[in-house]
Amino acid sequence: MGKTGQKILRARDRVLEILQTENACSAWFREKDSHPADTFRTLRFELDRNGEEFVQESTDPVDNATIFRNPYVAKVFQGDGRYATITINTNGAFFYPMSVMVEVWKEGVVVSHRGPRRTNVGPYPGDTRRA
């Protein structure tokens, strides 16, 4: 199973722990599914070993704000429900605390490499237990 598999199993166990207790997170899921932990147990996990690996820096054309987009962490088709497949990016922030940043023009063209940048899973630093 390796280090990657162990991380996924730990995260899966933690999610089940959260979904099986009364809290804001499980209450939110119960609004759509009366048994979210049971549904979560049916999910299948797949690894994307060729997933995105760069943090993309771009400029918003409307207000000129700088935007940073981390590599995706995981994805699933919205509304799939039971027996869905969750694809996990092995190059994303679940597994790496930093990534190379590239500048991207609005046309999607990479124009330069900017060096390393920290990755995140939501508010949590990449490659940490909280992520």
C-alpha atoms as a PDB file:
ATOM      1  CA  MET A   1       0.000   0.000   0.000  1.00  0.00           C
ATOM      2  CA  GLY A   2       2.897   2.364   0.642  1.00  0.00           C
ATOM      3  CA  LYS A   3       3.054   5.819   2.182  1.00  0.00           C
ATOM      4  CA  THR A   4       0.412   7.243  -0.170  1.00  0.00           C
ATOM      5  CA  GLY A   5      -2.049   4.470   0.657  1.00  0.00           C
ATOM      6  CA  GLN A   6      -1.456   4.891   4.389  1.00  0.00           C
ATOM      7  CA  LYS A   7      -2.252   8.615   4.160  1.00  0.00           C
ATOM      8  CA  ILE A   8      -5.466   7.893   2.291  1.00  0.00           C
ATOM      9  CA  LEU A   9      -6.531   5.267   4.846  1.00  0.00           C
ATOM     10  CA  ARG A  10      -5.859   7.653   7.750  1.00  0.00           C
ATOM     11  CA  ALA A  11      -7.857  10.402   6.042  1.00  0.00           C
ATOM     12  CA  ARG A  12     -10.691   7.972   5.260  1.00  0.00           C
ATOM     13  CA  ASP A  13     -10.840   6.826   8.896  1.00  0.00           C
ATOM     14  CA  ARG A  14     -10.894  10.427  10.106  1.00  0.00           C
ATOM     15  CA  VAL A  15     -13.719  11.357   7.729  1.00  0.00           C
ATOM     16  CA  LEU A  16     -15.759   8.364   8.924  1.00  0.00           C
ATOM     17  CA  GLU A  17     -15.132   9.428  12.514  1.00  0.00           C
ATOM     18  CA  ILE A  18     -16.480  12.902  11.713  1.00  0.00           C
ATOM     19  CA  LEU A  19     -19.502  11.625   9.773  1.00  0.00           C
ATOM     20  CA  GLN A  20     -20.483   9.183  12.547  1.00  0.00           C
ATOM     21  CA  THR A  21     -20.698  11.869  15.242  1.00  0.00           C
ATOM     22  CA  GLU A  22     -23.033  14.800  15.777  1.00  0.00           C
ATOM     23  CA  ASN A  23     -21.344  17.950  14.490  1.00  0.00           C
ATOM     24  CA  ALA A  24     -21.893  20.756  12.000  1.00  0.00           C
ATOM     25  CA  CYS A  25     -20.180  18.824   9.204  1.00  0.00           C
ATOM     26  CA  SER A  26     -22.260  15.654   9.562  1.00  0.00           C
ATOM     27  CA  ALA A  27     -25.437  17.747   9.993  1.00  0.00           C
ATOM     28  CA  TRP A  28     -24.698  19.514   6.702  1.00  0.00           C
ATOM     29  CA  PHE A  29     -24.262  16.176   4.894  1.00  0.00           C
ATOM     30  CA  ARG A  30     -27.460  14.770   6.479  1.00  0.00           C
ATOM     31  CA  GLU A  31     -29.439  17.538   4.779  1.00  0.00           C
ATOM     32  CA  LYS A  32     -28.925  15.586   1.520  1.00  0.00           C
ATOM     33  CA  ASP A  33     -28.211  12.052   2.789  1.00  0.00           C
ATOM     34  CA  SER A  34     -29.657  10.672   6.021  1.00  0.00           C
ATOM     35  CA  HIS A  35     -26.711   8.259   6.389  1.00  0.00           C
ATOM     36  CA  PRO A  36     -23.574  10.051   5.123  1.00  0.00           C
ATOM     37  CA  ALA A  37     -21.124   7.639   6.802  1.00  0.00           C
ATOM     38  CA  ASP A  38     -22.791   4.670   5.074  1.00  0.00           C
ATOM     39  CA  THR A  39     -22.553   6.447   1.728  1.00  0.00           C
ATOM     40  CA  PHE A  40     -18.904   7.353   2.355  1.00  0.00           C
ATOM     41  CA  ARG A  41     -18.074   3.669   2.995  1.00  0.00           C
ATOM     42  CA  THR A  42     -19.217   2.818  -0.561  1.00  0.00           C
ATOM     43  CA  LEU A  43     -16.841   5.267  -2.244  1.00  0.00           C
ATOM     44  CA  ARG A  44     -13.930   4.051  -4.322  1.00  0.00           C
ATOM     45  CA  PHE A  45     -10.596   5.877  -4.424  1.00  0.00           C
ATOM     46  CA  GLU A  46      -8.393   6.178  -7.487  1.00  0.00           C
ATOM     47  CA  LEU A  47      -4.976   7.827  -7.784  1.00  0.00           C
ATOM     48  CA  ASP A  48      -4.085  10.268 -10.554  1.00  0.00           C
ATOM     49  CA  ARG A  49      -0.304   9.960 -10.781  1.00  0.00           C
ATOM     50  CA  ASN A  50      -0.212  12.405 -13.733  1.00  0.00           C
ATOM     51  CA  GLY A  51      -2.355  15.111 -12.123  1.00  0.00           C
ATOM     52  CA  GLU A  52      -1.651  18.834 -12.043  1.00  0.00           C
ATOM     53  CA  GLU A  53       1.536  19.723 -10.209  1.00  0.00           C
ATOM     54  CA  PHE A  54       2.012  23.482 -10.608  1.00  0.00           C
ATOM     55  CA  VAL A  55       0.554  26.421  -8.698  1.00  0.00           C
ATOM     56  CA  GLN A  56      -0.752  28.800 -11.363  1.00  0.00           C
ATOM     57  CA  GLU A  57      -0.432  32.549 -10.880  1.00  0.00           C
ATOM     58  CA  SER A  58      -2.601  34.770 -13.049  1.00  0.00           C
ATOM     59  CA  THR A  59      -4.086  38.263 -13.048  1.00  0.00           C
ATOM     60  CA  ASP A  60      -7.810  38.944 -12.942  1.00  0.00           C
ATOM     61  CA  PRO A  61      -8.562  41.061 -16.046  1.00  0.00           C
ATOM     62  CA  VAL A  62     -11.367  42.950 -14.278  1.00  0.00           C
ATOM     63  CA  ASP A  63      -9.673  44.256 -11.126  1.00  0.00           C
ATOM     64  CA  ASN A  64      -6.028  43.330 -11.796  1.00  0.00           C
ATOM     65  CA  ALA A  65      -5.907  41.145  -8.637  1.00  0.00           C
ATOM     66  CA  THR A  66      -3.345  38.342  -8.495  1.00  0.00           C
ATOM     67  CA  ILE A  67      -4.930  34.878  -8.374  1.00  0.00           C
ATOM     68  CA  PHE A  68      -3.166  31.711  -7.209  1.00  0.00           C
ATOM     69  CA  ARG A  69      -4.626  28.325  -8.184  1.00  0.00           C
ATOM     70  CA  ASN A  70      -3.241  25.231  -6.466  1.00  0.00           C
ATOM     71  CA  PRO A  71      -3.148  21.860  -8.233  1.00  0.00           C
ATOM     72  CA  TYR A  72      -6.408  20.020  -7.619  1.00  0.00           C
ATOM     73  CA  VAL A  73      -6.376  17.782  -4.550  1.00  0.00           C
ATOM     74  CA  ALA A  74      -9.261  15.439  -5.312  1.00  0.00           C
ATOM     75  CA  LYS A  75     -12.301  15.346  -7.562  1.00  0.00           C
ATOM     76  CA  VAL A  76     -15.571  13.491  -7.976  1.00  0.00           C
ATOM     77  CA  PHE A  77     -18.579  14.055 -10.216  1.00  0.00           C
ATOM     78  CA  GLN A  78     -21.056  16.245  -8.356  1.00  0.00           C
ATOM     79  CA  GLY A  79     -24.141  14.354  -7.273  1.00  0.00           C
ATOM     80  CA  ASP A  80     -22.643  10.891  -7.902  1.00  0.00           C
ATOM     81  CA  GLY A  81     -23.540   9.691  -4.402  1.00  0.00           C
ATOM     82  CA  ARG A  82     -23.069   6.048  -3.440  1.00  0.00           C
ATOM     83  CA  TYR A  83     -20.338   4.044  -5.188  1.00  0.00           C
ATOM     84  CA  ALA A  84     -18.761   7.144  -6.743  1.00  0.00           C
ATOM     85  CA  THR A  85     -15.060   7.214  -7.539  1.00  0.00           C
ATOM     86  CA  ILE A  86     -12.955   9.909  -5.888  1.00  0.00           C
ATOM     87  CA  THR A  87      -9.807  10.700  -7.863  1.00  0.00           C
ATOM     88  CA  ILE A  88      -6.892  11.886  -5.729  1.00  0.00           C
ATOM     89  CA  ASN A  89      -4.047  13.883  -7.293  1.00  0.00           C
ATOM     90  CA  THR A  90      -0.755  12.394  -6.057  1.00  0.00           C
ATOM     91  CA  ASN A  91       0.957  15.650  -7.101  1.00  0.00           C
ATOM     92  CA  GLY A  92      -1.400  17.788  -5.011  1.00  0.00           C
ATOM     93  CA  ALA A  93      -1.391  19.231  -1.512  1.00  0.00           C
ATOM     94  CA  PHE A  94      -2.401  15.987   0.235  1.00  0.00           C
ATOM     95  CA  PHE A  95       1.119  14.787  -0.472  1.00  0.00           C
ATOM     96  CA  TYR A  96       3.313  17.857  -1.082  1.00  0.00           C
ATOM     97  CA  PRO A  97       3.809  20.977   1.054  1.00  0.00           C
ATOM     98  CA  MET A  98       5.176  23.009  -1.877  1.00  0.00           C
ATOM     99  CA  SER A  99       4.849  23.181  -5.618  1.00  0.00           C
ATOM    100  CA  VAL A 100       6.510  25.083  -8.437  1.00  0.00           C
ATOM    101  CA  MET A 101       4.598  28.237  -9.317  1.00  0.00           C
ATOM    102  CA  VAL A 102       4.117  29.263 -12.935  1.00  0.00           C
ATOM    103  CA  GLU A 103       2.775  32.524 -14.331  1.00  0.00           C
ATOM    104  CA  VAL A 104      -0.139  31.965 -16.698  1.00  0.00           C
ATOM    105  CA  TRP A 105      -1.572  34.526 -19.112  1.00  0.00           C
ATOM    106  CA  LYS A 106      -5.335  34.781 -19.603  1.00  0.00           C
ATOM    107  CA  GLU A 107      -5.027  32.678 -22.759  1.00  0.00           C
ATOM    108  CA  GLY A 108      -3.665  29.819 -20.614  1.00  0.00           C
ATOM    109  CA  VAL A 109      -0.079  30.172 -21.840  1.00  0.00           C
ATOM    110  CA  VAL A 110       2.650  29.531 -19.243  1.00  0.00           C
ATOM    111  CA  VAL A 111       5.096  32.423 -19.552  1.00  0.00           C
ATOM    112  CA  SER A 112       7.531  31.861 -16.685  1.00  0.00           C
ATOM    113  CA  HIS A 113       8.429  29.736 -13.694  1.00  0.00           C
ATOM    114  CA  ARG A 114       8.289  31.710 -10.447  1.00  0.00           C
ATOM    115  CA  GLY A 115       9.890  29.262  -8.012  1.00  0.00           C
ATOM    116  CA  PRO A 116       8.353  27.347  -5.099  1.00  0.00           C
ATOM    117  CA  ARG A 117       5.071  28.191  -3.371  1.00  0.00           C
ATOM    118  CA  ARG A 118       3.331  26.547  -0.429  1.00  0.00           C
ATOM    119  CA  THR A 119       0.285  24.424  -1.212  1.00  0.00           C
ATOM    120  CA  ASN A 120      -2.923  24.222   0.817  1.00  0.00           C
ATOM    121  CA  VAL A 121      -6.014  22.089   1.245  1.00  0.00           C
ATOM    122  CA  GLY A 122      -8.500  24.812   2.108  1.00  0.00           C
ATOM    123  CA  PRO A 123      -6.999  26.662   5.094  1.00  0.00           C
ATOM    124  CA  TYR A 124      -4.544  23.847   5.940  1.00  0.00           C
ATOM    125  CA  PRO A 125      -0.906  23.598   4.812  1.00  0.00           C
ATOM    126  CA  GLY A 126      -0.173  20.835   2.309  1.00  0.00           C
ATOM    127  CA  ASP A 127       1.251  17.464   3.380  1.00  0.00           C
ATOM    128  CA  THR A 128       0.049  17.820   6.996  1.00  0.00           C
ATOM    129  CA  ARG A 129      -2.365  15.750   9.084  1.00  0.00           C
ATOM    130  CA  ARG A 130      -4.931  18.563   9.011  1.00  0.00           C
ATOM    131  CA  ALA A 131      -4.840  18.676   5.209  1.00  0.00           C
END
